[in-house]
Amino acid sequence: MLRLRGEHSYLRALEPSDLEFLYELENNPEVWEISGTTTPYSRHTLQKYLDNAHRDIYEVKQLRLCIVNLEHRLIGFIDLFEFDPRHRRAGLGIVILEDRDRNRGLGAEAISLICRYAFSALELHQLYAHVLEDNLASIRLFRKMGFETTGTRKEWILSGGVYKNELLFQKINR
């Protein structure tokens, strides 16, 4: 049986009780730059999202899991998106909301768990991630987890009146 539990955290499905955390995260302008969000989400809209979160990845082409520490406190999300079963690939996104939970190995453990799930249970050939070139912590994290930088999208994201380059990272299951 494939377990989504590590030494310091585990991944689980979204629950109705995650509404307030999801509301806080999705309405945090600091993460809008990476999520492409431009306007706030209502609790009603996010509740409808949670009501449908149980749908199968093969149907909706995405999967969001909660990253939970061993004290059972929700600290972030990890997503598979643009799931393409024909070409056996998916995008990978991760966000840990609070600074106090960052740089403690929890993100690395979550990526390790989702990679194991994606490559084993979903039989994917590769995962990819998009990271802004000034997000040094995420660049270090993805490199540490065996992702390779394979491309740069020049002036891809407009943020605060400045265009930023976006790096493409890939991890191929060999």
C-alpha atoms as a PDB file:
ATOM      1  CA  MET A   1       0.000   0.000   0.000  1.00  0.00           C
ATOM      2  CA  LEU A   2       1.283   3.454  -0.936  1.00  0.00           C
ATOM      3  CA  ARG A   3       1.444   5.699   2.120  1.00  0.00           C
ATOM      4  CA  LEU A   4       1.459   9.454   1.925  1.00  0.00           C
ATOM      5  CA  ARG A   5       3.110   9.803   5.326  1.00  0.00           C
ATOM      6  CA  GLY A   6       6.646  10.903   6.033  1.00  0.00           C
ATOM      7  CA  GLU A   7       8.685  11.313   9.205  1.00  0.00           C
ATOM      8  CA  HIS A   8       7.463  14.865   9.885  1.00  0.00           C
ATOM      9  CA  SER A   9       4.266  15.299   7.877  1.00  0.00           C
ATOM     10  CA  TYR A  10       1.632  13.615   5.772  1.00  0.00           C
ATOM     11  CA  LEU A  11      -0.562  14.408   2.790  1.00  0.00           C
ATOM     12  CA  ARG A  12      -4.325  14.065   2.942  1.00  0.00           C
ATOM     13  CA  ALA A  13      -7.397  14.943   0.926  1.00  0.00           C
ATOM     14  CA  LEU A  14      -9.169  18.254   1.399  1.00  0.00           C
ATOM     15  CA  GLU A  15     -11.858  18.345   4.079  1.00  0.00           C
ATOM     16  CA  PRO A  16     -14.754  20.773   4.638  1.00  0.00           C
ATOM     17  CA  SER A  17     -12.947  22.004   7.760  1.00  0.00           C
ATOM     18  CA  ASP A  18     -10.115  23.340   5.527  1.00  0.00           C
ATOM     19  CA  LEU A  19     -12.284  26.251   4.331  1.00  0.00           C
ATOM     20  CA  GLU A  20     -10.748  28.946   6.560  1.00  0.00           C
ATOM     21  CA  PHE A  21      -7.170  27.912   5.746  1.00  0.00           C
ATOM     22  CA  LEU A  22      -7.988  27.812   2.026  1.00  0.00           C
ATOM     23  CA  TYR A  23      -9.669  31.230   2.300  1.00  0.00           C
ATOM     24  CA  GLU A  24      -6.607  32.705   4.035  1.00  0.00           C
ATOM     25  CA  LEU A  25      -4.199  31.241   1.496  1.00  0.00           C
ATOM     26  CA  GLU A  26      -6.151  32.046  -1.679  1.00  0.00           C
ATOM     27  CA  ASN A  27      -6.752  35.632  -0.525  1.00  0.00           C
ATOM     28  CA  ASN A  28      -3.122  36.276   0.421  1.00  0.00           C
ATOM     29  CA  PRO A  29      -1.711  38.703  -2.189  1.00  0.00           C
ATOM     30  CA  GLU A  30       1.812  37.374  -1.483  1.00  0.00           C
ATOM     31  CA  VAL A  31       0.940  34.110  -3.273  1.00  0.00           C
ATOM     32  CA  TRP A  32      -1.031  35.695  -6.113  1.00  0.00           C
ATOM     33  CA  GLU A  33       2.162  36.192  -8.096  1.00  0.00           C
ATOM     34  CA  ILE A  34       2.712  32.446  -8.368  1.00  0.00           C
ATOM     35  CA  SER A  35      -0.933  31.378  -8.574  1.00  0.00           C
ATOM     36  CA  GLY A  36      -2.010  33.840 -11.245  1.00  0.00           C
ATOM     37  CA  THR A  37      -4.802  35.121  -9.000  1.00  0.00           C
ATOM     38  CA  THR A  38      -5.869  38.728  -9.504  1.00  0.00           C
ATOM     39  CA  THR A  39      -8.979  39.016  -7.341  1.00  0.00           C
ATOM     40  CA  PRO A  40     -10.046  37.651  -3.944  1.00  0.00           C
ATOM     41  CA  TYR A  41     -12.159  34.511  -3.607  1.00  0.00           C
ATOM     42  CA  SER A  42     -15.343  34.398  -1.551  1.00  0.00           C
ATOM     43  CA  ARG A  43     -15.928  31.727   1.065  1.00  0.00           C
ATOM     44  CA  HIS A  44     -18.935  30.624  -0.998  1.00  0.00           C
ATOM     45  CA  THR A  45     -16.769  30.024  -4.098  1.00  0.00           C
ATOM     46  CA  LEU A  46     -14.141  28.173  -2.075  1.00  0.00           C
ATOM     47  CA  GLN A  47     -16.838  26.070  -0.379  1.00  0.00           C
ATOM     48  CA  LYS A  48     -18.085  24.996  -3.827  1.00  0.00           C
ATOM     49  CA  TYR A  49     -14.497  24.097  -4.714  1.00  0.00           C
ATOM     50  CA  LEU A  50     -14.203  21.989  -1.534  1.00  0.00           C
ATOM     51  CA  ASP A  51     -17.545  20.322  -2.314  1.00  0.00           C
ATOM     52  CA  ASN A  52     -16.049  19.092  -5.598  1.00  0.00           C
ATOM     53  CA  ALA A  53     -12.522  18.323  -4.372  1.00  0.00           C
ATOM     54  CA  HIS A  54     -13.324  14.605  -4.173  1.00  0.00           C
ATOM     55  CA  ARG A  55     -13.517  14.291  -7.967  1.00  0.00           C
ATOM     56  CA  ASP A  56     -11.014  11.983  -9.630  1.00  0.00           C
ATOM     57  CA  ILE A  57      -7.763  13.338 -11.088  1.00  0.00           C
ATOM     58  CA  TYR A  58      -8.560  11.593 -14.385  1.00  0.00           C
ATOM     59  CA  GLU A  59     -11.784  13.601 -14.599  1.00  0.00           C
ATOM     60  CA  VAL A  60     -10.677  17.077 -13.468  1.00  0.00           C
ATOM     61  CA  LYS A  61      -6.966  16.825 -14.435  1.00  0.00           C
ATOM     62  CA  GLN A  62      -5.785  18.111 -11.067  1.00  0.00           C
ATOM     63  CA  LEU A  63      -5.323  17.000  -7.484  1.00  0.00           C
ATOM     64  CA  ARG A  64      -4.785  19.174  -4.421  1.00  0.00           C
ATOM     65  CA  LEU A  65      -3.630  17.583  -1.194  1.00  0.00           C
ATOM     66  CA  CYS A  66      -3.130  19.120   2.225  1.00  0.00           C
ATOM     67  CA  ILE A  67       0.310  19.126   3.835  1.00  0.00           C
ATOM     68  CA  VAL A  68      -0.210  18.403   7.522  1.00  0.00           C
ATOM     69  CA  ASN A  69       2.410  18.249  10.260  1.00  0.00           C
ATOM     70  CA  LEU A  70       2.436  15.426  12.804  1.00  0.00           C
ATOM     71  CA  GLU A  71       0.535  17.641  15.266  1.00  0.00           C
ATOM     72  CA  HIS A  72      -2.276  17.478  12.649  1.00  0.00           C
ATOM     73  CA  ARG A  73      -1.961  21.189  11.800  1.00  0.00           C
ATOM     74  CA  LEU A  74      -2.569  22.088   8.159  1.00  0.00           C
ATOM     75  CA  ILE A  75       0.478  24.009   6.903  1.00  0.00           C
ATOM     76  CA  GLY A  76       0.044  24.130   3.128  1.00  0.00           C
ATOM     77  CA  PHE A  77      -1.016  22.484  -0.096  1.00  0.00           C
ATOM     78  CA  ILE A  78       0.660  20.468  -2.807  1.00  0.00           C
ATOM     79  CA  ASP A  79      -0.974  20.230  -6.217  1.00  0.00           C
ATOM     80  CA  LEU A  80      -0.754  18.152  -9.337  1.00  0.00           C
ATOM     81  CA  PHE A  81      -2.183  20.159 -12.240  1.00  0.00           C
ATOM     82  CA  GLU A  82      -2.429  19.868 -16.022  1.00  0.00           C
ATOM     83  CA  PHE A  83      -2.506  16.107 -15.485  1.00  0.00           C
ATOM     84  CA  ASP A  84      -1.960  14.469 -18.857  1.00  0.00           C
ATOM     85  CA  PRO A  85      -2.402  10.673 -18.677  1.00  0.00           C
ATOM     86  CA  ARG A  86      -1.641  10.230 -22.384  1.00  0.00           C
ATOM     87  CA  HIS A  87       1.829  11.739 -22.087  1.00  0.00           C
ATOM     88  CA  ARG A  88       2.106  10.642 -18.434  1.00  0.00           C
ATOM     89  CA  ARG A  89       3.039  14.031 -16.967  1.00  0.00           C
ATOM     90  CA  ALA A  90       1.703  16.655 -14.584  1.00  0.00           C
ATOM     91  CA  GLY A  91       2.662  20.005 -13.160  1.00  0.00           C
ATOM     92  CA  LEU A  92       3.584  20.251  -9.503  1.00  0.00           C
ATOM     93  CA  GLY A  93       2.925  23.208  -7.226  1.00  0.00           C
ATOM     94  CA  ILE A  94       3.534  23.624  -3.537  1.00  0.00           C
ATOM     95  CA  VAL A  95       2.839  26.358  -1.021  1.00  0.00           C
ATOM     96  CA  ILE A  96       3.491  26.467   2.698  1.00  0.00           C
ATOM     97  CA  LEU A  97       1.592  29.391   4.165  1.00  0.00           C
ATOM     98  CA  GLU A  98       3.552  30.534   7.213  1.00  0.00           C
ATOM     99  CA  ASP A  99       7.240  31.404   7.474  1.00  0.00           C
ATOM    100  CA  ARG A 100       7.548  29.376  10.695  1.00  0.00           C
ATOM    101  CA  ASP A 101       6.845  26.181   8.721  1.00  0.00           C
ATOM    102  CA  ARG A 102       9.293  26.910   5.896  1.00  0.00           C
ATOM    103  CA  ASN A 103      12.912  25.736   5.678  1.00  0.00           C
ATOM    104  CA  ARG A 104      12.241  22.852   8.047  1.00  0.00           C
ATOM    105  CA  GLY A 105      12.209  20.013   5.519  1.00  0.00           C
ATOM    106  CA  LEU A 106       8.415  19.835   5.314  1.00  0.00           C
ATOM    107  CA  GLY A 107       8.280  21.023   1.702  1.00  0.00           C
ATOM    108  CA  ALA A 108      10.972  18.541   0.675  1.00  0.00           C
ATOM    109  CA  GLU A 109       9.129  15.736   2.409  1.00  0.00           C
ATOM    110  CA  ALA A 110       5.833  16.710   0.728  1.00  0.00           C
ATOM    111  CA  ILE A 111       7.506  16.764  -2.696  1.00  0.00           C
ATOM    112  CA  SER A 112       9.086  13.379  -2.007  1.00  0.00           C
ATOM    113  CA  LEU A 113       5.685  11.928  -1.059  1.00  0.00           C
ATOM    114  CA  ILE A 114       3.865  13.373  -4.076  1.00  0.00           C
ATOM    115  CA  CYS A 115       6.631  12.217  -6.440  1.00  0.00           C
ATOM    116  CA  ARG A 116       6.376   8.694  -5.075  1.00  0.00           C
ATOM    117  CA  TYR A 117       2.583   8.818  -5.514  1.00  0.00           C
ATOM    118  CA  ALA A 118       2.769  10.299  -9.034  1.00  0.00           C
ATOM    119  CA  PHE A 119       5.424   7.894 -10.286  1.00  0.00           C
ATOM    120  CA  SER A 120       3.985   4.772  -8.605  1.00  0.00           C
ATOM    121  CA  ALA A 121       0.207   5.085  -8.321  1.00  0.00           C
ATOM    122  CA  LEU A 122      -0.366   7.316 -11.363  1.00  0.00           C
ATOM    123  CA  GLU A 123       2.531   5.804 -13.339  1.00  0.00           C
ATOM    124  CA  LEU A 124       3.667   9.232 -14.544  1.00  0.00           C
ATOM    125  CA  HIS A 125       6.851   9.621 -16.543  1.00  0.00           C
ATOM    126  CA  GLN A 126       7.584  13.173 -15.425  1.00  0.00           C
ATOM    127  CA  LEU A 127       6.637  16.059 -13.191  1.00  0.00           C
ATOM    128  CA  TYR A 128       7.398  19.698 -13.903  1.00  0.00           C
ATOM    129  CA  ALA A 129       7.291  22.937 -11.954  1.00  0.00           C
ATOM    130  CA  HIS A 130       7.371  26.620 -12.832  1.00  0.00           C
ATOM    131  CA  VAL A 131       9.410  28.824 -10.473  1.00  0.00           C
ATOM    132  CA  LEU A 132      10.131  32.539 -10.705  1.00  0.00           C
ATOM    133  CA  GLU A 133      13.870  33.164 -10.960  1.00  0.00           C
ATOM    134  CA  ASP A 134      13.875  35.354  -7.837  1.00  0.00           C
ATOM    135  CA  ASN A 135      12.293  32.608  -5.692  1.00  0.00           C
ATOM    136  CA  LEU A 136      15.622  31.264  -4.495  1.00  0.00           C
ATOM    137  CA  ALA A 137      14.137  29.065  -1.757  1.00  0.00           C
ATOM    138  CA  SER A 138      11.933  27.197  -4.254  1.00  0.00           C
ATOM    139  CA  ILE A 139      14.795  26.874  -6.731  1.00  0.00           C
ATOM    140  CA  ARG A 140      16.960  25.274  -4.028  1.00  0.00           C
ATOM    141  CA  LEU A 141      14.076  23.024  -2.967  1.00  0.00           C
ATOM    142  CA  PHE A 142      13.327  21.673  -6.443  1.00  0.00           C
ATOM    143  CA  ARG A 143      17.003  21.133  -7.213  1.00  0.00           C
ATOM    144  CA  LYS A 144      17.446  19.333  -3.893  1.00  0.00           C
ATOM    145  CA  MET A 145      14.534  17.069  -4.846  1.00  0.00           C
ATOM    146  CA  GLY A 146      16.151  16.048  -8.131  1.00  0.00           C
ATOM    147  CA  PHE A 147      14.396  18.431 -10.516  1.00  0.00           C
ATOM    148  CA  GLU A 148      16.530  19.852 -13.322  1.00  0.00           C
ATOM    149  CA  THR A 149      16.258  23.347 -14.774  1.00  0.00           C
ATOM    150  CA  THR A 150      15.357  22.756 -18.421  1.00  0.00           C
ATOM    151  CA  GLY A 151      14.207  26.152 -19.645  1.00  0.00           C
ATOM    152  CA  THR A 152      13.496  29.810 -19.038  1.00  0.00           C
ATOM    153  CA  ARG A 153      10.439  31.770 -20.067  1.00  0.00           C
ATOM    154  CA  LYS A 154      11.739  35.304 -20.535  1.00  0.00           C
ATOM    155  CA  GLU A 155       9.739  38.160 -18.991  1.00  0.00           C
ATOM    156  CA  TRP A 156       6.868  35.733 -18.375  1.00  0.00           C
ATOM    157  CA  ILE A 157       5.204  37.145 -15.251  1.00  0.00           C
ATOM    158  CA  LEU A 158       4.338  40.816 -14.752  1.00  0.00           C
ATOM    159  CA  SER A 159       4.525  41.630 -11.051  1.00  0.00           C
ATOM    160  CA  GLY A 160       4.571  45.084  -9.532  1.00  0.00           C
ATOM    161  CA  GLY A 161       5.207  46.649 -12.932  1.00  0.00           C
ATOM    162  CA  VAL A 162       8.283  44.469 -13.545  1.00  0.00           C
ATOM    163  CA  TYR A 163       8.527  41.436 -15.810  1.00  0.00           C
ATOM    164  CA  LYS A 164      10.105  38.358 -14.253  1.00  0.00           C
ATOM    165  CA  ASN A 165      11.598  35.280 -15.845  1.00  0.00           C
ATOM    166  CA  GLU A 166      10.104  31.904 -14.996  1.00  0.00           C
ATOM    167  CA  LEU A 167      12.225  28.764 -14.805  1.00  0.00           C
ATOM    168  CA  LEU A 168      10.978  25.343 -15.872  1.00  0.00           C
ATOM    169  CA  PHE A 169      12.028  22.399 -13.717  1.00  0.00           C
ATOM    170  CA  GLN A 170      11.480  18.762 -14.698  1.00  0.00           C
ATOM    171  CA  LYS A 171      11.920  15.471 -12.925  1.00  0.00           C
ATOM    172  CA  ILE A 172      11.824  12.420 -15.151  1.00  0.00           C
ATOM    173  CA  ASN A 173      11.135   9.007 -13.676  1.00  0.00           C
ATOM    174  CA  ARG A 174      13.732   6.671 -15.146  1.00  0.00           C
END
